[in-house]
Amino acid sequence: MGQSWSGVRRRLEQELLAESLRGRVRYFMTKYPAANDDEARFSILIDNKEMFNSNVFTFWPMYIQSSEAAKKELNTPERQWNGKHMEFDSENKEVEQTVEDELLYKGIFPVYAFTNALREYFNQGIEKSICSENPLIRILAVLDRRVGKRTIERVSKNFSAELEWVQPFYKLRLEAENVEYEK
């Protein structure tokens, strides 16, 4: 991203957040420097209530368990080093990516999924972000000041089809803009 977390947070909360939501939405990230790979924890708070969080302690155990179960079910051969390259690596990566995508749709994801979503969100137009397949990008977009009332009204028609863990963010914006929606 090329910015400090405080700079990213300031941009999200002060520059990009819809005026009607200022002071109600906060982004939180902390790093665990003593942990392997400089792991972190991320969350979004609405009215000081944590709506979800991402951290190494919830994601990795679920990911490992789900990946192992999926590989067993699909009879995916284990990776093997043949002296030149890793055999069956692409088959394993495919299963692992599918598992990671499925967990994301359940609201379970690693912090790097959020930082990757941030990078994509910052580098594409708001029209593309609001329609993104990535629910993290859609959350960022629905809270964005660049999304106008007509777009919010259009989004409200799909509220009930949105992922359960994403709905509170849509509800917040819809209510802040006084837009009717089907519950």
Foldseek 3Di string as FASTA:
>chain_A
DPDDPVVLQCCLQPVWFAPLQRPFKGKDKDWDCVDPPRWMKIFIGGNNHTLAMEGPVQQPVQLVVQLVVQCVVVVQDDWDDPPPDIPSPVVSVVSSVVSQVVVQLVVYHGVVVLVVLSVVLVVDDLVCQCVDPRLSSVLSSLRTNVQDPVNLLVVLACLVVGRPSSNVSNVVSCVSVVHDHDD
